[in-house]
PDB file of all heavy atoms in Angstrom:
ATOM      1  N   ALA A   1       0.835  -1.204   0.000  1.00  0.00           N
ATOM      2  CA  ALA A   1       0.000   0.000   0.000  1.00  0.00           C
ATOM      3  C   ALA A   1       0.870   1.253   0.000  1.00  0.00           C
ATOM      4  O   ALA A   1       0.581   2.238  -0.702  1.00  0.00           O
ATOM      5  CB  ALA A   1      -0.927  -0.006   1.213  1.00  0.00           C
ATOM      6  N   ARG A   2       1.948   1.217   0.779  1.00  0.00           N
ATOM      7  CA  ARG A   2       2.834   2.374   0.865  1.00  0.00           C
ATOM      8  C   ARG A   2       3.687   2.515  -0.392  1.00  0.00           C
ATOM      9  O   ARG A   2       3.984   3.631  -0.827  1.00  0.00           O
ATOM     10  CB  ARG A   2       3.683   2.272   2.132  1.00  0.00           C
ATOM     11  CG  ARG A   2       2.843   2.506   3.393  1.00  0.00           C
ATOM     12  CD  ARG A   2       3.492   1.999   4.665  1.00  0.00           C
ATOM     13  NE  ARG A   2       2.671   2.334   5.830  1.00  0.00           N
ATOM     14  CZ  ARG A   2       1.597   1.656   6.214  1.00  0.00           C
ATOM     15  NH1 ARG A   2       1.208   0.581   5.517  1.00  0.00           N
ATOM     16  NH2 ARG A   2       0.903   2.025   7.270  1.00  0.00           N
ATOM     17  N   VAL A   3       4.078   1.396  -0.975  1.00  0.00           N
ATOM     18  CA  VAL A   3       4.811   1.434  -2.238  1.00  0.00           C
ATOM     19  C   VAL A   3       3.954   2.063  -3.334  1.00  0.00           C
ATOM     20  O   VAL A   3       4.440   2.841  -4.161  1.00  0.00           O
ATOM     21  CB  VAL A   3       5.279   0.017  -2.649  1.00  0.00           C
ATOM     22  CG1 VAL A   3       5.764   0.000  -4.105  1.00  0.00           C
ATOM     23  CG2 VAL A   3       6.372  -0.469  -1.718  1.00  0.00           C
ATOM     24  N   GLU A   4       2.661   1.734  -3.335  1.00  0.00           N
ATOM     25  CA  GLU A   4       1.752   2.301  -4.333  1.00  0.00           C
ATOM     26  C   GLU A   4       1.723   3.821  -4.230  1.00  0.00           C
ATOM     27  O   GLU A   4       1.712   4.529  -5.245  1.00  0.00           O
ATOM     28  CB  GLU A   4       0.343   1.740  -4.147  1.00  0.00           C
ATOM     29  CG  GLU A   4      -0.660   2.271  -5.170  1.00  0.00           C
ATOM     30  CD  GLU A   4      -2.091   1.799  -4.909  1.00  0.00           C
ATOM     31  OE1 GLU A   4      -2.302   1.037  -3.941  1.00  0.00           O
ATOM     32  OE2 GLU A   4      -2.977   2.212  -5.678  1.00  0.00           O
ATOM     33  N   VAL A   5       1.729   4.339  -3.003  1.00  0.00           N
ATOM     34  CA  VAL A   5       1.726   5.786  -2.807  1.00  0.00           C
ATOM     35  C   VAL A   5       3.036   6.395  -3.296  1.00  0.00           C
ATOM     36  O   VAL A   5       3.051   7.427  -3.983  1.00  0.00           O
ATOM     37  CB  VAL A   5       1.492   6.130  -1.314  1.00  0.00           C
ATOM     38  CG1 VAL A   5       1.702   7.617  -1.078  1.00  0.00           C
ATOM     39  CG2 VAL A   5       0.088   5.718  -0.893  1.00  0.00           C
ATOM     40  N   ILE A   6       4.139   5.774  -2.960  1.00  0.00           N
ATOM     41  CA  ILE A   6       5.447   6.311  -3.348  1.00  0.00           C
ATOM     42  C   ILE A   6       5.594   6.341  -4.865  1.00  0.00           C
ATOM     43  O   ILE A   6       6.111   7.304  -5.435  1.00  0.00           O
ATOM     44  CB  ILE A   6       6.581   5.485  -2.703  1.00  0.00           C
ATOM     45  CG1 ILE A   6       6.545   5.626  -1.176  1.00  0.00           C
ATOM     46  CG2 ILE A   6       7.943   5.927  -3.235  1.00  0.00           C
ATOM     47  CD1 ILE A   6       7.524   4.731  -0.448  1.00  0.00           C
ATOM     48  N   LYS A   7       5.129   5.301  -5.530  1.00  0.00           N
ATOM     49  CA  LYS A   7       5.287   5.215  -6.986  1.00  0.00           C
ATOM     50  C   LYS A   7       4.337   6.137  -7.744  1.00  0.00           C
ATOM     51  O   LYS A   7       4.616   6.513  -8.888  1.00  0.00           O
ATOM     52  CB  LYS A   7       5.051   3.773  -7.452  1.00  0.00           C
ATOM     53  CG  LYS A   7       6.180   2.814  -7.123  1.00  0.00           C
ATOM     54  CD  LYS A   7       5.889   1.442  -7.737  1.00  0.00           C
ATOM     55  CE  LYS A   7       7.047   0.489  -7.553  1.00  0.00           C
ATOM     56  NZ  LYS A   7       6.782  -0.824  -8.211  1.00  0.00           N
ATOM     57  N   ASN A   8       3.228   6.516  -7.135  1.00  0.00           N
ATOM     58  CA  ASN A   8       2.198   7.254  -7.853  1.00  0.00           C
ATOM     59  C   ASN A   8       2.675   8.662  -8.234  1.00  0.00           C
ATOM     60  O   ASN A   8       3.121   9.431  -7.385  1.00  0.00           O
ATOM     61  CB  ASN A   8       0.929   7.358  -6.996  1.00  0.00           C
ATOM     62  CG  ASN A   8      -0.252   7.861  -7.794  1.00  0.00           C
ATOM     63  OD1 ASN A   8      -0.288   9.003  -8.227  1.00  0.00           O
ATOM     64  ND2 ASN A   8      -1.222   6.989  -8.001  1.00  0.00           N
ATOM     65  N   MET A   9       2.566   8.999  -9.515  1.00  0.00           N
ATOM     66  CA  MET A   9       2.985  10.310 -10.012  1.00  0.00           C
ATOM     67  C   MET A   9       1.821  11.059 -10.652  1.00  0.00           C
ATOM     68  O   MET A   9       2.004  11.878 -11.563  1.00  0.00           O
ATOM     69  CB  MET A   9       4.126  10.145 -11.015  1.00  0.00           C
ATOM     70  CG  MET A   9       5.438   9.696 -10.382  1.00  0.00           C
ATOM     71  SD  MET A   9       6.131  10.922  -9.246  1.00  0.00           S
ATOM     72  CE  MET A   9       6.615  12.188 -10.399  1.00  0.00           C
ATOM     73  N   ASP A  10       0.605  10.775 -10.171  1.00  0.00           N
ATOM     74  CA  ASP A  10      -0.577  11.484 -10.639  1.00  0.00           C
ATOM     75  C   ASP A  10      -0.984  12.541  -9.620  1.00  0.00           C
ATOM     76  O   ASP A  10      -0.499  12.556  -8.485  1.00  0.00           O
ATOM     77  CB  ASP A  10      -1.734  10.507 -10.847  1.00  0.00           C
ATOM     78  CG  ASP A  10      -1.461   9.511 -11.956  1.00  0.00           C
ATOM     79  OD1 ASP A  10      -0.857   9.918 -12.969  1.00  0.00           O
ATOM     80  OD2 ASP A  10      -1.827   8.328 -11.801  1.00  0.00           O
ATOM     81  N   SER A  11      -1.897  13.405 -10.012  1.00  0.00           N
ATOM     82  CA  SER A  11      -2.465  14.365  -9.062  1.00  0.00           C
ATOM     83  C   SER A  11      -3.540  13.650  -8.258  1.00  0.00           C
ATOM     84  O   SER A  11      -4.679  13.482  -8.717  1.00  0.00           O
ATOM     85  CB  SER A  11      -3.050  15.567  -9.804  1.00  0.00           C
ATOM     86  OG  SER A  11      -2.037  16.441 -10.217  1.00  0.00           O
ATOM     87  N   VAL A  12      -3.179  13.208  -7.088  1.00  0.00           N
ATOM     88  CA  VAL A  12      -4.075  12.416  -6.245  1.00  0.00           C
ATOM     89  C   VAL A  12      -3.757  12.716  -4.791  1.00  0.00           C
ATOM     90  O   VAL A  12      -2.620  13.077  -4.449  1.00  0.00           O
ATOM     91  CB  VAL A  12      -3.903  10.904  -6.546  1.00  0.00           C
ATOM     92  CG1 VAL A  12      -2.520  10.418  -6.152  1.00  0.00           C
ATOM     93  CG2 VAL A  12      -4.988  10.075  -5.871  1.00  0.00           C
ATOM     94  N   ASP A  13      -4.751  12.615  -3.918  1.00  0.00           N
ATOM     95  CA  ASP A  13      -4.537  12.833  -2.494  1.00  0.00           C
ATOM     96  C   ASP A  13      -4.334  11.516  -1.772  1.00  0.00           C
ATOM     97  O   ASP A  13      -4.768  10.456  -2.244  1.00  0.00           O
ATOM     98  CB  ASP A  13      -5.724  13.585  -1.883  1.00  0.00           C
ATOM     99  CG  ASP A  13      -5.776  15.040  -2.325  1.00  0.00           C
ATOM    100  OD1 ASP A  13      -4.702  15.593  -2.653  1.00  0.00           O
ATOM    101  OD2 ASP A  13      -6.872  15.627  -2.336  1.00  0.00           O
ATOM    102  N   ILE A  14      -3.690  11.594  -0.613  1.00  0.00           N
ATOM    103  CA  ILE A  14      -3.440  10.417   0.207  1.00  0.00           C
ATOM    104  C   ILE A  14      -4.074  10.647   1.572  1.00  0.00           C
ATOM    105  O   ILE A  14      -3.641  11.520   2.331  1.00  0.00           O
ATOM    106  CB  ILE A  14      -1.925  10.132   0.341  1.00  0.00           C
ATOM    107  CG1 ILE A  14      -1.343   9.680  -1.000  1.00  0.00           C
ATOM    108  CG2 ILE A  14      -1.690   9.046   1.384  1.00  0.00           C
ATOM    109  CD1 ILE A  14      -0.989  10.795  -1.939  1.00  0.00           C
ATOM    110  N   GLN A  15      -5.149   9.899   1.861  1.00  0.00           N
ATOM    111  CA  GLN A  15      -5.809   9.932   3.156  1.00  0.00           C
ATOM    112  C   GLN A  15      -5.088   8.912   4.038  1.00  0.00           C
ATOM    113  O   GLN A  15      -5.151   7.717   3.818  1.00  0.00           O
ATOM    114  CB  GLN A  15      -7.292   9.592   3.025  1.00  0.00           C
ATOM    115  CG  GLN A  15      -8.000   9.165   4.305  1.00  0.00           C
ATOM    116  CD  GLN A  15      -8.062  10.257   5.363  1.00  0.00           C
ATOM    117  OE1 GLN A  15      -8.033  11.437   5.047  1.00  0.00           O
ATOM    118  NE2 GLN A  15      -8.148   9.865   6.622  1.00  0.00           N
ATOM    119  N   ALA A  16      -4.370   9.418   5.034  1.00  0.00           N
ATOM    120  CA  ALA A  16      -3.510   8.555   5.848  1.00  0.00           C
ATOM    121  C   ALA A  16      -3.900   8.679   7.316  1.00  0.00           C
ATOM    122  O   ALA A  16      -3.900   9.774   7.871  1.00  0.00           O
ATOM    123  CB  ALA A  16      -2.051   8.942   5.662  1.00  0.00           C
ATOM    124  N   PHE A  17      -4.221   7.575   7.947  1.00  0.00           N
ATOM    125  CA  PHE A  17      -4.650   7.583   9.342  1.00  0.00           C
ATOM    126  C   PHE A  17      -3.456   7.759  10.285  1.00  0.00           C
ATOM    127  O   PHE A  17      -2.296   7.575   9.870  1.00  0.00           O
ATOM    128  CB  PHE A  17      -5.420   6.306   9.653  1.00  0.00           C
ATOM    129  CG  PHE A  17      -6.794   6.274   9.046  1.00  0.00           C
ATOM    130  CD1 PHE A  17      -7.030   5.641   7.831  1.00  0.00           C
ATOM    131  CD2 PHE A  17      -7.857   6.907   9.669  1.00  0.00           C
ATOM    132  CE1 PHE A  17      -8.287   5.632   7.263  1.00  0.00           C
ATOM    133  CE2 PHE A  17      -9.120   6.904   9.114  1.00  0.00           C
ATOM    134  CZ  PHE A  17      -9.344   6.265   7.902  1.00  0.00           C
ATOM    135  N   PRO A  18      -3.705   8.111  11.557  1.00  0.00           N
ATOM    136  CA  PRO A  18      -2.598   8.322  12.503  1.00  0.00           C
ATOM    137  C   PRO A  18      -1.696   7.093  12.584  1.00  0.00           C
ATOM    138  O   PRO A  18      -2.175   5.962  12.650  1.00  0.00           O
ATOM    139  CB  PRO A  18      -3.316   8.562  13.841  1.00  0.00           C
ATOM    140  CG  PRO A  18      -4.678   9.046  13.465  1.00  0.00           C
ATOM    141  CD  PRO A  18      -5.024   8.345  12.189  1.00  0.00           C
ATOM    142  N   GLY A  19      -0.398   7.334  12.577  1.00  0.00           N
ATOM    143  CA  GLY A  19       0.534   6.229  12.699  1.00  0.00           C
ATOM    144  C   GLY A  19       0.738   5.445  11.424  1.00  0.00           C
ATOM    145  O   GLY A  19       1.325   4.359  11.440  1.00  0.00           O
ATOM    146  N   SER A  20       0.294   5.979  10.295  1.00  0.00           N
ATOM    147  CA  SER A  20       0.476   5.273   9.018  1.00  0.00           C
ATOM    148  C   SER A  20       1.812   5.616   8.369  1.00  0.00           C
ATOM    149  O   SER A  20       2.181   5.029   7.357  1.00  0.00           O
ATOM    150  CB  SER A  20      -0.667   5.618   8.054  1.00  0.00           C
ATOM    151  OG  SER A  20      -0.706   7.008   7.817  1.00  0.00           O
ATOM    152  N   GLY A  21       2.535   6.564   8.948  1.00  0.00           N
ATOM    153  CA  GLY A  21       3.854   6.908   8.434  1.00  0.00           C
ATOM    154  C   GLY A  21       3.838   7.775   7.199  1.00  0.00           C
ATOM    155  O   GLY A  21       4.743   7.705   6.372  1.00  0.00           O
ATOM    156  N   LYS A  22       2.832   8.649   7.078  1.00  0.00           N
ATOM    157  CA  LYS A  22       2.682   9.428   5.835  1.00  0.00           C
ATOM    158  C   LYS A  22       3.861  10.364   5.588  1.00  0.00           C
ATOM    159  O   LYS A  22       4.300  10.502   4.440  1.00  0.00           O
ATOM    160  CB  LYS A  22       1.377  10.205   5.847  1.00  0.00           C
ATOM    161  CG  LYS A  22       1.288  11.287   6.890  1.00  0.00           C
ATOM    162  CD  LYS A  22       0.013  12.085   6.755  1.00  0.00           C
ATOM    163  CE  LYS A  22      -0.099  13.120   7.855  1.00  0.00           C
ATOM    164  NZ  LYS A  22       1.062  14.061   7.891  1.00  0.00           N
ATOM    165  N   THR A  23       4.387  11.009   6.645  1.00  0.00           N
ATOM    166  CA  THR A  23       5.513  11.913   6.428  1.00  0.00           C
ATOM    167  C   THR A  23       6.762  11.143   6.030  1.00  0.00           C
ATOM    168  O   THR A  23       7.533  11.583   5.171  1.00  0.00           O
ATOM    169  CB  THR A  23       5.779  12.761   7.691  1.00  0.00           C
ATOM    170  OG1 THR A  23       4.583  13.494   8.027  1.00  0.00           O
ATOM    171  CG2 THR A  23       6.906  13.758   7.443  1.00  0.00           C
ATOM    172  N   THR A  24       6.953   9.953   6.617  1.00  0.00           N
ATOM    173  CA  THR A  24       8.081   9.102   6.230  1.00  0.00           C
ATOM    174  C   THR A  24       7.956   8.681   4.766  1.00  0.00           C
ATOM    175  O   THR A  24       8.938   8.662   4.012  1.00  0.00           O
ATOM    176  CB  THR A  24       8.150   7.860   7.131  1.00  0.00           C
ATOM    177  OG1 THR A  24       8.301   8.280   8.490  1.00  0.00           O
ATOM    178  CG2 THR A  24       9.314   6.963   6.754  1.00  0.00           C
ATOM    179  N   ILE A  25       6.745   8.348   4.355  1.00  0.00           N
ATOM    180  CA  ILE A  25       6.493   7.975   2.958  1.00  0.00           C
ATOM    181  C   ILE A  25       6.809   9.147   2.038  1.00  0.00           C
ATOM    182  O   ILE A  25       7.454   8.990   0.992  1.00  0.00           O
ATOM    183  CB  ILE A  25       5.026   7.529   2.782  1.00  0.00           C
ATOM    184  CG1 ILE A  25       4.787   6.208   3.507  1.00  0.00           C
ATOM    185  CG2 ILE A  25       4.657   7.402   1.305  1.00  0.00           C
ATOM    186  CD1 ILE A  25       3.330   5.845   3.634  1.00  0.00           C
TER     187      ILE A  25
END
């Protein structure tokens, strides 16, 4: 799931719950 976010190069938002590591991603 996190790899999918990192690879994505489209204009899209990421809804990330607490402790999901969004800033690290």
